[in-house]
């Protein structure tokens, strides 16, 4: 099952502040992600739990995936994750000493916006 790396914009800010104040991260590419990599089913369950709305995943055939990959950025990004292009060493992320959030924490903080997304 493909795991999706999730990034909270607040965490990007935390790494930027650390780099600005300490120069420890000067000239480094830092993979900033939550310290979890949920599957799509886990993401759907978390969104359901936080929003109170039922969210489910839908999987497509490999043929349909390949057709949609060229024209749908979300599908393409899922392909990058599936194919390992977005592999991140989570231990390396922890070594920077920046406390990063979780998907559930992000969704709870942004619960109002999450609710609006269901209304659209």
PDB file of N, CA and C in Angstrom:
ATOM      1  N   UNK A   1       0.852  -1.182   0.000  1.00  0.00           N
ATOM      2  CA  UNK A   1       0.000   0.000   0.000  1.00  0.00           C
ATOM      3  C   UNK A   1       0.897   1.244   0.000  1.00  0.00           C
ATOM      4  N   UNK A   2       0.621   2.163  -0.886  1.00  0.00           N
ATOM      5  CA  UNK A   2       1.405   3.389  -0.990  1.00  0.00           C
ATOM      6  C   UNK A   2       1.200   4.259   0.241  1.00  0.00           C
ATOM      7  N   UNK A   3       2.298   4.749   0.775  1.00  0.00           N
ATOM      8  CA  UNK A   3       2.241   5.677   1.895  1.00  0.00           C
ATOM      9  C   UNK A   3       2.464   7.081   1.341  1.00  0.00           C
ATOM     10  N   UNK A   4       1.715   8.015   1.864  1.00  0.00           N
ATOM     11  CA  UNK A   4       1.760   9.387   1.375  1.00  0.00           C
ATOM     12  C   UNK A   4       2.480  10.263   2.401  1.00  0.00           C
ATOM     13  N   UNK A   5       3.501  10.968   1.969  1.00  0.00           N
ATOM     14  CA  UNK A   5       4.205  11.891   2.850  1.00  0.00           C
ATOM     15  C   UNK A   5       3.416  13.190   2.914  1.00  0.00           C
ATOM     16  N   UNK A   6       3.148  13.631   4.112  1.00  0.00           N
ATOM     17  CA  UNK A   6       2.299  14.797   4.308  1.00  0.00           C
ATOM     18  C   UNK A   6       3.128  15.898   4.953  1.00  0.00           C
ATOM     19  N   UNK A   7       2.952  17.106   4.479  1.00  0.00           N
ATOM     20  CA  UNK A   7       3.707  18.244   5.014  1.00  0.00           C
ATOM     21  C   UNK A   7       2.751  19.307   5.510  1.00  0.00           C
ATOM     22  N   UNK A   8       2.956  19.730   6.737  1.00  0.00           N
ATOM     23  CA  UNK A   8       2.188  20.820   7.337  1.00  0.00           C
ATOM     24  C   UNK A   8       2.954  22.111   7.055  1.00  0.00           C
ATOM     25  N   UNK A   9       2.312  23.123   6.494  1.00  0.00           N
ATOM     26  CA  UNK A   9       3.001  24.382   6.231  1.00  0.00           C
ATOM     27  C   UNK A   9       3.659  24.980   7.481  1.00  0.00           C
ATOM     28  N   UNK A  10       3.079  24.744   8.634  1.00  0.00           N
ATOM     29  CA  UNK A  10       3.683  25.241   9.879  1.00  0.00           C
ATOM     30  C   UNK A  10       5.051  24.599  10.097  1.00  0.00           C
ATOM     31  N   UNK A  11       5.174  23.327   9.746  1.00  0.00           N
ATOM     32  CA  UNK A  11       6.453  22.635   9.912  1.00  0.00           C
ATOM     33  C   UNK A  11       7.513  23.203   8.976  1.00  0.00           C
ATOM     34  N   UNK A  12       7.120  23.595   7.772  1.00  0.00           N
ATOM     35  CA  UNK A  12       8.066  24.239   6.857  1.00  0.00           C
ATOM     36  C   UNK A  12       8.595  25.512   7.505  1.00  0.00           C
ATOM     37  N   UNK A  13       7.700  26.260   8.129  1.00  0.00           N
ATOM     38  CA  UNK A  13       8.105  27.475   8.823  1.00  0.00           C
ATOM     39  C   UNK A  13       9.072  27.191   9.963  1.00  0.00           C
ATOM     40  N   UNK A  14       8.838  26.123  10.705  1.00  0.00           N
ATOM     41  CA  UNK A  14       9.734  25.766  11.811  1.00  0.00           C
ATOM     42  C   UNK A  14      11.145  25.476  11.307  1.00  0.00           C
ATOM     43  N   UNK A  15      11.242  24.745  10.200  1.00  0.00           N
ATOM     44  CA  UNK A  15      12.560  24.458   9.634  1.00  0.00           C
ATOM     45  C   UNK A  15      13.208  25.732   9.103  1.00  0.00           C
ATOM     46  N   UNK A  16      12.420  26.609   8.488  1.00  0.00           N
ATOM     47  CA  UNK A  16      12.964  27.868   7.970  1.00  0.00           C
ATOM     48  C   UNK A  16      13.511  28.728   9.102  1.00  0.00           C
ATOM     49  N   UNK A  17      12.788  28.809  10.203  1.00  0.00           N
ATOM     50  CA  UNK A  17      13.252  29.592  11.352  1.00  0.00           C
ATOM     51  C   UNK A  17      14.539  28.995  11.903  1.00  0.00           C
ATOM     52  N   UNK A  18      14.591  27.667  12.022  1.00  0.00           N
ATOM     53  CA  UNK A  18      15.806  27.021  12.517  1.00  0.00           C
ATOM     54  C   UNK A  18      16.987  27.349  11.602  1.00  0.00           C
ATOM     55  N   UNK A  19      16.783  27.278  10.308  1.00  0.00           N
ATOM     56  CA  UNK A  19      17.852  27.580   9.360  1.00  0.00           C
ATOM     57  C   UNK A  19      18.283  29.036   9.483  1.00  0.00           C
ATOM     58  N   UNK A  20      17.341  29.931   9.614  1.00  0.00           N
ATOM     59  CA  UNK A  20      17.633  31.361   9.706  1.00  0.00           C
ATOM     60  C   UNK A  20      18.402  31.691  10.983  1.00  0.00           C
ATOM     61  N   UNK A  21      17.991  31.108  12.096  1.00  0.00           N
ATOM     62  CA  UNK A  21      18.599  31.438  13.385  1.00  0.00           C
ATOM     63  C   UNK A  21      19.910  30.712  13.651  1.00  0.00           C
ATOM     64  N   UNK A  22      20.046  29.509  13.137  1.00  0.00           N
ATOM     65  CA  UNK A  22      21.213  28.717  13.531  1.00  0.00           C
ATOM     66  C   UNK A  22      22.227  28.501  12.420  1.00  0.00           C
ATOM     67  N   UNK A  23      21.861  28.724  11.208  1.00  0.00           N
ATOM     68  CA  UNK A  23      22.700  28.437  10.038  1.00  0.00           C
ATOM     69  C   UNK A  23      23.085  26.963   9.958  1.00  0.00           C
ATOM     70  N   UNK A  24      22.523  26.139  10.829  1.00  0.00           N
ATOM     71  CA  UNK A  24      22.799  24.708  10.824  1.00  0.00           C
ATOM     72  C   UNK A  24      22.336  24.066   9.529  1.00  0.00           C
ATOM     73  N   UNK A  25      21.321  24.635   8.922  1.00  0.00           N
ATOM     74  CA  UNK A  25      20.758  24.037   7.716  1.00  0.00           C
ATOM     75  C   UNK A  25      21.205  24.753   6.443  1.00  0.00           C
ATOM     76  N   UNK A  26      22.205  25.654   6.562  1.00  0.00           N
ATOM     77  CA  UNK A  26      22.677  26.382   5.390  1.00  0.00           C
ATOM     78  C   UNK A  26      23.040  25.432   4.256  1.00  0.00           C
ATOM     79  N   UNK A  27      22.550  25.741   3.095  1.00  0.00           N
ATOM     80  CA  UNK A  27      22.894  25.022   1.868  1.00  0.00           C
ATOM     81  C   UNK A  27      22.543  23.536   1.921  1.00  0.00           C
ATOM     82  N   UNK A  28      21.528  23.186   2.657  1.00  0.00           N
ATOM     83  CA  UNK A  28      21.068  21.801   2.718  1.00  0.00           C
ATOM     84  C   UNK A  28      19.653  21.723   2.179  1.00  0.00           C
ATOM     85  N   UNK A  29      19.355  20.628   1.561  1.00  0.00           N
ATOM     86  CA  UNK A  29      17.990  20.329   1.181  1.00  0.00           C
ATOM     87  C   UNK A  29      17.435  19.456   2.290  1.00  0.00           C
ATOM     88  N   UNK A  30      16.397  19.942   2.941  1.00  0.00           N
ATOM     89  CA  UNK A  30      15.838  19.230   4.080  1.00  0.00           C
ATOM     90  C   UNK A  30      14.456  18.713   3.709  1.00  0.00           C
ATOM     91  N   UNK A  31      14.261  17.396   3.808  1.00  0.00           N
ATOM     92  CA  UNK A  31      12.930  16.849   3.537  1.00  0.00           C
ATOM     93  C   UNK A  31      12.011  17.116   4.726  1.00  0.00           C
ATOM     94  N   UNK A  32      11.112  18.055   4.582  1.00  0.00           N
ATOM     95  CA  UNK A  32      10.225  18.438   5.681  1.00  0.00           C
ATOM     96  C   UNK A  32       8.905  17.706   5.509  1.00  0.00           C
ATOM     97  N   UNK A  33       8.643  16.760   6.383  1.00  0.00           N
ATOM     98  CA  UNK A  33       7.394  16.003   6.343  1.00  0.00           C
ATOM     99  C   UNK A  33       6.966  15.689   7.759  1.00  0.00           C
ATOM    100  N   UNK A  34       5.705  15.388   7.913  1.00  0.00           N
ATOM    101  CA  UNK A  34       5.251  14.874   9.201  1.00  0.00           C
ATOM    102  C   UNK A  34       5.974  13.567   9.471  1.00  0.00           C
ATOM    103  N   UNK A  35       6.107  13.237  10.713  1.00  0.00           N
ATOM    104  CA  UNK A  35       6.809  12.010  11.058  1.00  0.00           C
ATOM    105  C   UNK A  35       5.890  10.803  10.973  1.00  0.00           C
ATOM    106  N   UNK A  36       5.027  10.833   9.994  1.00  0.00           N
ATOM    107  CA  UNK A  36       4.176   9.695   9.705  1.00  0.00           C
ATOM    108  C   UNK A  36       3.957   9.682   8.200  1.00  0.00           C
ATOM    109  N   UNK A  37       3.697   8.536   7.684  1.00  0.00           N
ATOM    110  CA  UNK A  37       3.439   8.401   6.256  1.00  0.00           C
ATOM    111  C   UNK A  37       2.235   7.478   6.112  1.00  0.00           C
ATOM    112  N   UNK A  38       1.032   8.046   6.221  1.00  0.00           N
ATOM    113  CA  UNK A  38      -0.177   7.219   6.187  1.00  0.00           C
ATOM    114  C   UNK A  38      -0.509   6.740   4.777  1.00  0.00           C
ATOM    115  N   UNK A  39      -1.252   5.657   4.717  1.00  0.00           N
ATOM    116  CA  UNK A  39      -1.804   5.187   3.447  1.00  0.00           C
ATOM    117  C   UNK A  39      -3.048   6.017   3.147  1.00  0.00           C
ATOM    118  N   UNK A  40      -3.567   5.889   1.953  1.00  0.00           N
ATOM    119  CA  UNK A  40      -4.788   6.622   1.604  1.00  0.00           C
ATOM    120  C   UNK A  40      -5.956   6.199   2.498  1.00  0.00           C
ATOM    121  N   UNK A  41      -6.040   4.909   2.833  1.00  0.00           N
ATOM    122  CA  UNK A  41      -7.098   4.456   3.746  1.00  0.00           C
ATOM    123  C   UNK A  41      -6.961   5.131   5.112  1.00  0.00           C
ATOM    124  N   UNK A  42      -5.731   5.236   5.610  1.00  0.00           N
ATOM    125  CA  UNK A  42      -5.505   5.883   6.907  1.00  0.00           C
ATOM    126  C   UNK A  42      -5.839   7.372   6.837  1.00  0.00           C
ATOM    127  N   UNK A  43      -5.506   8.006   5.729  1.00  0.00           N
ATOM    128  CA  UNK A  43      -5.844   9.427   5.553  1.00  0.00           C
ATOM    129  C   UNK A  43      -7.358   9.591   5.567  1.00  0.00           C
ATOM    130  N   UNK A  44      -8.064   8.745   4.836  1.00  0.00           N
ATOM    131  CA  UNK A  44      -9.530   8.829   4.781  1.00  0.00           C
ATOM    132  C   UNK A  44     -10.132   8.646   6.167  1.00  0.00           C
ATOM    133  N   UNK A  45      -9.617   7.692   6.934  1.00  0.00           N
ATOM    134  CA  UNK A  45     -10.133   7.479   8.302  1.00  0.00           C
ATOM    135  C   UNK A  45      -9.885   8.703   9.180  1.00  0.00           C
ATOM    136  N   UNK A  46      -8.701   9.297   9.062  1.00  0.00           N
ATOM    137  CA  UNK A  46      -8.382  10.468   9.874  1.00  0.00           C
ATOM    138  C   UNK A  46      -9.263  11.646   9.495  1.00  0.00           C
ATOM    139  N   UNK A  47      -9.445  11.882   8.198  1.00  0.00           N
ATOM    140  CA  UNK A  47     -10.329  12.968   7.748  1.00  0.00           C
ATOM    141  C   UNK A  47     -11.748  12.706   8.250  1.00  0.00           C
ATOM    142  N   UNK A  48     -12.206  11.473   8.174  1.00  0.00           N
ATOM    143  CA  UNK A  48     -13.543  11.120   8.670  1.00  0.00           C
ATOM    144  C   UNK A  48     -13.659  11.395  10.165  1.00  0.00           C
ATOM    145  N   UNK A  49     -12.659  10.971  10.933  1.00  0.00           N
ATOM    146  CA  UNK A  49     -12.681  11.158  12.385  1.00  0.00           C
ATOM    147  C   UNK A  49     -12.755  12.633  12.763  1.00  0.00           C
ATOM    148  N   UNK A  50     -11.941  13.454  12.101  1.00  0.00           N
ATOM    149  CA  UNK A  50     -11.874  14.877  12.448  1.00  0.00           C
ATOM    150  C   UNK A  50     -13.092  15.639  11.937  1.00  0.00           C
ATOM    151  N   UNK A  51     -13.522  15.328  10.731  1.00  0.00           N
ATOM    152  CA  UNK A  51     -14.611  16.093  10.112  1.00  0.00           C
ATOM    153  C   UNK A  51     -15.993  15.624  10.529  1.00  0.00           C
ATOM    154  N   UNK A  52     -16.086  14.374  10.961  1.00  0.00           N
ATOM    155  CA  UNK A  52     -17.401  13.821  11.259  1.00  0.00           C
ATOM    156  C   UNK A  52     -18.157  13.421   9.997  1.00  0.00           C
ATOM    157  N   UNK A  53     -17.501  13.491   8.856  1.00  0.00           N
ATOM    158  CA  UNK A  53     -18.083  13.112   7.576  1.00  0.00           C
ATOM    159  C   UNK A  53     -17.452  11.808   7.113  1.00  0.00           C
ATOM    160  N   UNK A  54     -18.213  10.997   6.427  1.00  0.00           N
ATOM    161  CA  UNK A  54     -17.680   9.738   5.925  1.00  0.00           C
ATOM    162  C   UNK A  54     -16.837   9.998   4.681  1.00  0.00           C
ATOM    163  N   UNK A  55     -15.588   9.587   4.726  1.00  0.00           N
ATOM    164  CA  UNK A  55     -14.681   9.707   3.593  1.00  0.00           C
ATOM    165  C   UNK A  55     -14.174   8.308   3.280  1.00  0.00           C
ATOM    166  N   UNK A  56     -14.131   7.986   1.996  1.00  0.00           N
ATOM    167  CA  UNK A  56     -13.656   6.660   1.614  1.00  0.00           C
ATOM    168  C   UNK A  56     -12.634   6.799   0.492  1.00  0.00           C
ATOM    169  N   UNK A  57     -11.875   5.769   0.332  1.00  0.00           N
ATOM    170  CA  UNK A  57     -10.903   5.758  -0.755  1.00  0.00           C
ATOM    171  C   UNK A  57     -11.483   5.003  -1.940  1.00  0.00           C
ATOM    172  N   UNK A  58     -10.967   5.326  -3.082  1.00  0.00           N
ATOM    173  CA  UNK A  58     -11.366   4.634  -4.299  1.00  0.00           C
ATOM    174  C   UNK A  58     -10.088   4.326  -5.071  1.00  0.00           C
ATOM    175  N   UNK A  59      -9.914   3.075  -5.402  1.00  0.00           N
ATOM    176  CA  UNK A  59      -8.724   2.669  -6.112  1.00  0.00           C
ATOM    177  C   UNK A  59      -9.077   2.388  -7.567  1.00  0.00           C
ATOM    178  N   UNK A  60      -8.144   2.708  -8.448  1.00  0.00           N
ATOM    179  CA  UNK A  60      -8.370   2.517  -9.879  1.00  0.00           C
ATOM    180  C   UNK A  60      -7.404   1.448 -10.401  1.00  0.00           C
ATOM    181  N   UNK A  61      -7.707   0.933 -11.554  1.00  0.00           N
ATOM    182  CA  UNK A  61      -6.835  -0.062 -12.179  1.00  0.00           C
ATOM    183  C   UNK A  61      -5.515   0.597 -12.585  1.00  0.00           C
ATOM    184  N   UNK A  62      -4.517  -0.215 -12.803  1.00  0.00           N
ATOM    185  CA  UNK A  62      -3.218   0.300 -13.259  1.00  0.00           C
ATOM    186  C   UNK A  62      -3.376   1.026 -14.593  1.00  0.00           C
ATOM    187  N   UNK A  63      -4.207   0.505 -15.462  1.00  0.00           N
ATOM    188  CA  UNK A  63      -4.429   1.140 -16.763  1.00  0.00           C
ATOM    189  C   UNK A  63      -5.028   2.544 -16.589  1.00  0.00           C
ATOM    190  N   UNK A  64      -6.058   2.657 -15.761  1.00  0.00           N
ATOM    191  CA  UNK A  64      -6.672   3.970 -15.533  1.00  0.00           C
ATOM    192  C   UNK A  64      -5.695   4.911 -14.847  1.00  0.00           C
ATOM    193  N   UNK A  65      -4.928   4.373 -13.912  1.00  0.00           N
ATOM    194  CA  UNK A  65      -3.922   5.190 -13.228  1.00  0.00           C
ATOM    195  C   UNK A  65      -2.953   5.792 -14.250  1.00  0.00           C
ATOM    196  N   UNK A  66      -2.441   4.972 -15.156  1.00  0.00           N
ATOM    197  CA  UNK A  66      -1.488   5.454 -16.153  1.00  0.00           C
ATOM    198  C   UNK A  66      -2.112   6.502 -17.075  1.00  0.00           C
ATOM    199  N   UNK A  67      -3.381   6.325 -17.414  1.00  0.00           N
ATOM    200  CA  UNK A  67      -4.083   7.303 -18.254  1.00  0.00           C
ATOM    201  C   UNK A  67      -4.216   8.642 -17.539  1.00  0.00           C
ATOM    202  N   UNK A  68      -4.570   8.597 -16.260  1.00  0.00           N
ATOM    203  CA  UNK A  68      -4.819   9.828 -15.505  1.00  0.00           C
ATOM    204  C   UNK A  68      -3.534  10.501 -15.033  1.00  0.00           C
ATOM    205  N   UNK A  69      -2.467   9.734 -14.934  1.00  0.00           N
ATOM    206  CA  UNK A  69      -1.211  10.241 -14.395  1.00  0.00           C
ATOM    207  C   UNK A  69      -0.677  11.427 -15.201  1.00  0.00           C
ATOM    208  N   UNK A  70      -0.876  11.420 -16.504  1.00  0.00           N
ATOM    209  CA  UNK A  70      -0.342  12.489 -17.339  1.00  0.00           C
ATOM    210  C   UNK A  70      -1.113  13.790 -17.275  1.00  0.00           C
ATOM    211  N   UNK A  71      -2.337  13.757 -16.763  1.00  0.00           N
ATOM    212  CA  UNK A  71      -3.152  14.974 -16.781  1.00  0.00           C
ATOM    213  C   UNK A  71      -3.678  15.387 -15.409  1.00  0.00           C
ATOM    214  N   UNK A  72      -3.431  14.595 -14.379  1.00  0.00           N
ATOM    215  CA  UNK A  72      -3.957  14.891 -13.047  1.00  0.00           C
ATOM    216  C   UNK A  72      -2.795  14.935 -12.064  1.00  0.00           C
ATOM    217  N   UNK A  73      -2.466  16.134 -11.565  1.00  0.00           N
ATOM    218  CA  UNK A  73      -1.313  16.318 -10.692  1.00  0.00           C
ATOM    219  C   UNK A  73      -1.420  15.498  -9.409  1.00  0.00           C
ATOM    220  N   UNK A  74      -2.618  15.354  -8.856  1.00  0.00           N
ATOM    221  CA  UNK A  74      -2.787  14.563  -7.641  1.00  0.00           C
ATOM    222  C   UNK A  74      -2.440  13.107  -7.918  1.00  0.00           C
ATOM    223  N   UNK A  75      -2.925  12.586  -9.025  1.00  0.00           N
ATOM    224  CA  UNK A  75      -2.624  11.203  -9.399  1.00  0.00           C
ATOM    225  C   UNK A  75      -1.123  11.055  -9.655  1.00  0.00           C
ATOM    226  N   UNK A  76      -0.529  12.031 -10.329  1.00  0.00           N
ATOM    227  CA  UNK A  76       0.914  11.983 -10.599  1.00  0.00           C
ATOM    228  C   UNK A  76       1.708  11.951  -9.293  1.00  0.00           C
ATOM    229  N   UNK A  77       1.329  12.789  -8.332  1.00  0.00           N
ATOM    230  CA  UNK A  77       2.037  12.821  -7.040  1.00  0.00           C
ATOM    231  C   UNK A  77       1.898  11.498  -6.309  1.00  0.00           C
ATOM    232  N   UNK A  78       0.734  10.892  -6.379  1.00  0.00           N
ATOM    233  CA  UNK A  78       0.559   9.581  -5.761  1.00  0.00           C
ATOM    234  C   UNK A  78       1.457   8.554  -6.448  1.00  0.00           C
ATOM    235  N   UNK A  79       1.643   8.702  -7.749  1.00  0.00           N
ATOM    236  CA  UNK A  79       2.551   7.817  -8.473  1.00  0.00           C
ATOM    237  C   UNK A  79       3.983   7.997  -8.026  1.00  0.00           C
ATOM    238  N   UNK A  80       4.395   9.254  -7.787  1.00  0.00           N
ATOM    239  CA  UNK A  80       5.754   9.493  -7.302  1.00  0.00           C
ATOM    240  C   UNK A  80       5.964   8.804  -5.958  1.00  0.00           C
ATOM    241  N   UNK A  81       4.957   8.891  -5.098  1.00  0.00           N
ATOM    242  CA  UNK A  81       5.057   8.233  -3.790  1.00  0.00           C
ATOM    243  C   UNK A  81       5.118   6.720  -3.973  1.00  0.00           C
ATOM    244  N   UNK A  82       4.265   6.209  -4.825  1.00  0.00           N
ATOM    245  CA  UNK A  82       4.218   4.766  -5.054  1.00  0.00           C
ATOM    246  C   UNK A  82       5.532   4.245  -5.633  1.00  0.00           C
ATOM    247  N   UNK A  83       6.121   5.014  -6.529  1.00  0.00           N
ATOM    248  CA  UNK A  83       7.326   4.576  -7.220  1.00  0.00           C
ATOM    249  C   UNK A  83       8.606   4.881  -6.441  1.00  0.00           C
ATOM    250  N   UNK A  84       8.460   5.477  -5.256  1.00  0.00           N
ATOM    251  CA  UNK A  84       9.620   5.723  -4.403  1.00  0.00           C
ATOM    252  C   UNK A  84      10.375   7.002  -4.686  1.00  0.00           C
ATOM    253  N   UNK A  85       9.862   7.860  -5.543  1.00  0.00           N
ATOM    254  CA  UNK A  85      10.558   9.103  -5.847  1.00  0.00           C
ATOM    255  C   UNK A  85      10.524  10.070  -4.673  1.00  0.00           C
ATOM    256  N   UNK A  86       9.592   9.869  -3.774  1.00  0.00           N
ATOM    257  CA  UNK A  86       9.453  10.780  -2.639  1.00  0.00           C
ATOM    258  C   UNK A  86       9.911  10.131  -1.334  1.00  0.00           C
ATOM    259  N   UNK A  87      10.773   9.121  -1.423  1.00  0.00           N
ATOM    260  CA  UNK A  87      11.238   8.472  -0.204  1.00  0.00           C
ATOM    261  C   UNK A  87      12.002   9.465   0.664  1.00  0.00           C
ATOM    262  N   UNK A  88      11.692   9.447   1.940  1.00  0.00           N
ATOM    263  CA  UNK A  88      12.340  10.333   2.898  1.00  0.00           C
ATOM    264  C   UNK A  88      12.808   9.494   4.071  1.00  0.00           C
ATOM    265  N   UNK A  89      14.010   9.754   4.527  1.00  0.00           N
ATOM    266  CA  UNK A  89      14.560   9.083   5.695  1.00  0.00           C
ATOM    267  C   UNK A  89      14.020   9.809   6.930  1.00  0.00           C
ATOM    268  N   UNK A  90      13.013   9.223   7.578  1.00  0.00           N
ATOM    269  CA  UNK A  90      12.370   9.876   8.721  1.00  0.00           C
ATOM    270  C   UNK A  90      13.359  10.076   9.871  1.00  0.00           C
ATOM    271  N   UNK A  91      14.336   9.186  10.027  1.00  0.00           N
ATOM    272  CA  UNK A  91      15.334   9.375  11.080  1.00  0.00           C
ATOM    273  C   UNK A  91      16.153  10.639  10.817  1.00  0.00           C
ATOM    274  N   UNK A  92      16.447  10.911   9.547  1.00  0.00           N
ATOM    275  CA  UNK A  92      17.176  12.126   9.199  1.00  0.00           C
ATOM    276  C   UNK A  92      16.354  13.365   9.568  1.00  0.00           C
ATOM    277  N   UNK A  93      15.061  13.323   9.304  1.00  0.00           N
ATOM    278  CA  UNK A  93      14.200  14.449   9.653  1.00  0.00           C
ATOM    279  C   UNK A  93      14.236  14.679  11.165  1.00  0.00           C
ATOM    280  N   UNK A  94      14.167  13.608  11.949  1.00  0.00           N
ATOM    281  CA  UNK A  94      14.196  13.728  13.412  1.00  0.00           C
ATOM    282  C   UNK A  94      15.513  14.329  13.908  1.00  0.00           C
ATOM    283  N   UNK A  95      16.623  14.035  13.212  1.00  0.00           N
ATOM    284  CA  UNK A  95      17.941  14.510  13.638  1.00  0.00           C
ATOM    285  C   UNK A  95      18.037  16.028  13.702  1.00  0.00           C
ATOM    286  N   UNK A  96      17.206  16.725  12.954  1.00  0.00           N
ATOM    287  CA  UNK A  96      17.261  18.189  12.965  1.00  0.00           C
ATOM    288  C   UNK A  96      16.677  18.774  14.243  1.00  0.00           C
ATOM    289  N   UNK A  97      15.988  17.948  15.023  1.00  0.00           N
ATOM    290  CA  UNK A  97      15.470  18.406  16.307  1.00  0.00           C
ATOM    291  C   UNK A  97      14.292  19.358  16.217  1.00  0.00           C
ATOM    292  N   UNK A  98      13.623  19.382  15.094  1.00  0.00           N
ATOM    293  CA  UNK A  98      12.450  20.238  14.919  1.00  0.00           C
ATOM    294  C   UNK A  98      11.216  19.376  15.159  1.00  0.00           C
ATOM    295  N   UNK A  99      10.395  19.813  16.091  1.00  0.00           N
ATOM    296  CA  UNK A  99       9.173  19.059  16.376  1.00  0.00           C
ATOM    297  C   UNK A  99       8.168  19.315  15.262  1.00  0.00           C
ATOM    298  N   UNK A 100       7.754  18.242  14.620  1.00  0.00           N
ATOM    299  CA  UNK A 100       6.796  18.386  13.528  1.00  0.00           C
ATOM    300  C   UNK A 100       5.467  17.766  13.924  1.00  0.00           C
ATOM    301  N   UNK A 101       4.439  18.174  13.219  1.00  0.00           N
ATOM    302  CA  UNK A 101       3.086  17.770  13.565  1.00  0.00           C
ATOM    303  C   UNK A 101       2.656  16.464  12.941  1.00  0.00           C
ATOM    304  N   UNK A 102       1.385  16.188  13.115  1.00  0.00           N
ATOM    305  CA  UNK A 102       0.758  14.994  12.565  1.00  0.00           C
ATOM    306  C   UNK A 102      -0.379  15.420  11.642  1.00  0.00           C
ATOM    307  N   UNK A 103      -0.814  14.497  10.833  1.00  0.00           N
ATOM    308  CA  UNK A 103      -1.958  14.774   9.973  1.00  0.00           C
ATOM    309  C   UNK A 103      -3.180  15.129  10.809  1.00  0.00           C
ATOM    310  N   UNK A 104      -3.436  14.350  11.853  1.00  0.00           N
ATOM    311  CA  UNK A 104      -4.606  14.616  12.687  1.00  0.00           C
ATOM    312  C   UNK A 104      -4.510  16.000  13.335  1.00  0.00           C
ATOM    313  N   UNK A 105      -3.334  16.356  13.830  1.00  0.00           N
ATOM    314  CA  UNK A 105      -3.156  17.678  14.423  1.00  0.00           C
ATOM    315  C   UNK A 105      -3.414  18.789  13.428  1.00  0.00           C
ATOM    316  N   UNK A 106      -2.924  18.623  12.203  1.00  0.00           N
ATOM    317  CA  UNK A 106      -3.154  19.609  11.156  1.00  0.00           C
ATOM    318  C   UNK A 106      -4.639  19.750  10.869  1.00  0.00           C
ATOM    319  N   UNK A 107      -5.318  18.610  10.695  1.00  0.00           N
ATOM    320  CA  UNK A 107      -6.744  18.653  10.372  1.00  0.00           C
ATOM    321  C   UNK A 107      -7.563  19.249  11.507  1.00  0.00           C
ATOM    322  N   UNK A 108      -7.199  18.955  12.737  1.00  0.00           N
ATOM    323  CA  UNK A 108      -7.925  19.545  13.865  1.00  0.00           C
ATOM    324  C   UNK A 108      -7.712  21.046  13.915  1.00  0.00           C
ATOM    325  N   UNK A 109      -6.482  21.485  13.664  1.00  0.00           N
ATOM    326  CA  UNK A 109      -6.196  22.928  13.648  1.00  0.00           C
ATOM    327  C   UNK A 109      -6.951  23.620  12.518  1.00  0.00           C
ATOM    328  N   UNK A 110      -7.108  22.930  11.391  1.00  0.00           N
ATOM    329  CA  UNK A 110      -7.753  23.501  10.200  1.00  0.00           C
ATOM    330  C   UNK A 110      -9.167  22.957  10.008  1.00  0.00           C
ATOM    331  N   UNK A 111      -9.807  22.585  11.105  1.00  0.00           N
ATOM    332  CA  UNK A 111     -11.116  21.931  11.028  1.00  0.00           C
ATOM    333  C   UNK A 111     -12.162  22.797  10.320  1.00  0.00           C
ATOM    334  N   UNK A 112     -12.127  24.085  10.541  1.00  0.00           N
ATOM    335  CA  UNK A 112     -13.097  24.972   9.891  1.00  0.00           C
ATOM    336  C   UNK A 112     -12.922  24.924   8.368  1.00  0.00           C
ATOM    337  N   UNK A 113     -11.688  25.006   7.904  1.00  0.00           N
ATOM    338  CA  UNK A 113     -11.427  24.940   6.460  1.00  0.00           C
ATOM    339  C   UNK A 113     -11.780  23.559   5.914  1.00  0.00           C
ATOM    340  N   UNK A 114     -11.519  22.524   6.700  1.00  0.00           N
ATOM    341  CA  UNK A 114     -11.881  21.170   6.285  1.00  0.00           C
ATOM    342  C   UNK A 114     -13.392  21.071   6.081  1.00  0.00           C
ATOM    343  N   UNK A 115     -14.141  21.642   6.995  1.00  0.00           N
ATOM    344  CA  UNK A 115     -15.597  21.630   6.862  1.00  0.00           C
ATOM    345  C   UNK A 115     -16.058  22.361   5.613  1.00  0.00           C
ATOM    346  N   UNK A 116     -15.423  23.484   5.311  1.00  0.00           N
ATOM    347  CA  UNK A 116     -15.776  24.238   4.094  1.00  0.00           C
ATOM    348  C   UNK A 116     -15.482  23.424   2.840  1.00  0.00           C
ATOM    349  N   UNK A 117     -14.441  22.601   2.889  1.00  0.00           N
ATOM    350  CA  UNK A 117     -14.099  21.788   1.718  1.00  0.00           C
ATOM    351  C   UNK A 117     -15.229  20.815   1.393  1.00  0.00           C
ATOM    352  N   UNK A 118     -15.929  20.354   2.403  1.00  0.00           N
ATOM    353  CA  UNK A 118     -17.055  19.444   2.160  1.00  0.00           C
ATOM    354  C   UNK A 118     -18.253  20.191   1.601  1.00  0.00           C
ATOM    355  N   UNK A 119     -18.330  21.491   1.878  1.00  0.00           N
ATOM    356  CA  UNK A 119     -19.474  22.281   1.404  1.00  0.00           C
ATOM    357  C   UNK A 119     -19.327  22.686  -0.063  1.00  0.00           C
ATOM    358  N   UNK A 120     -18.104  22.654  -0.581  1.00  0.00           N
ATOM    359  CA  UNK A 120     -17.882  23.066  -1.975  1.00  0.00           C
ATOM    360  C   UNK A 120     -18.368  22.049  -2.956  1.00  0.00           C
TER     361      UNK A 120
END
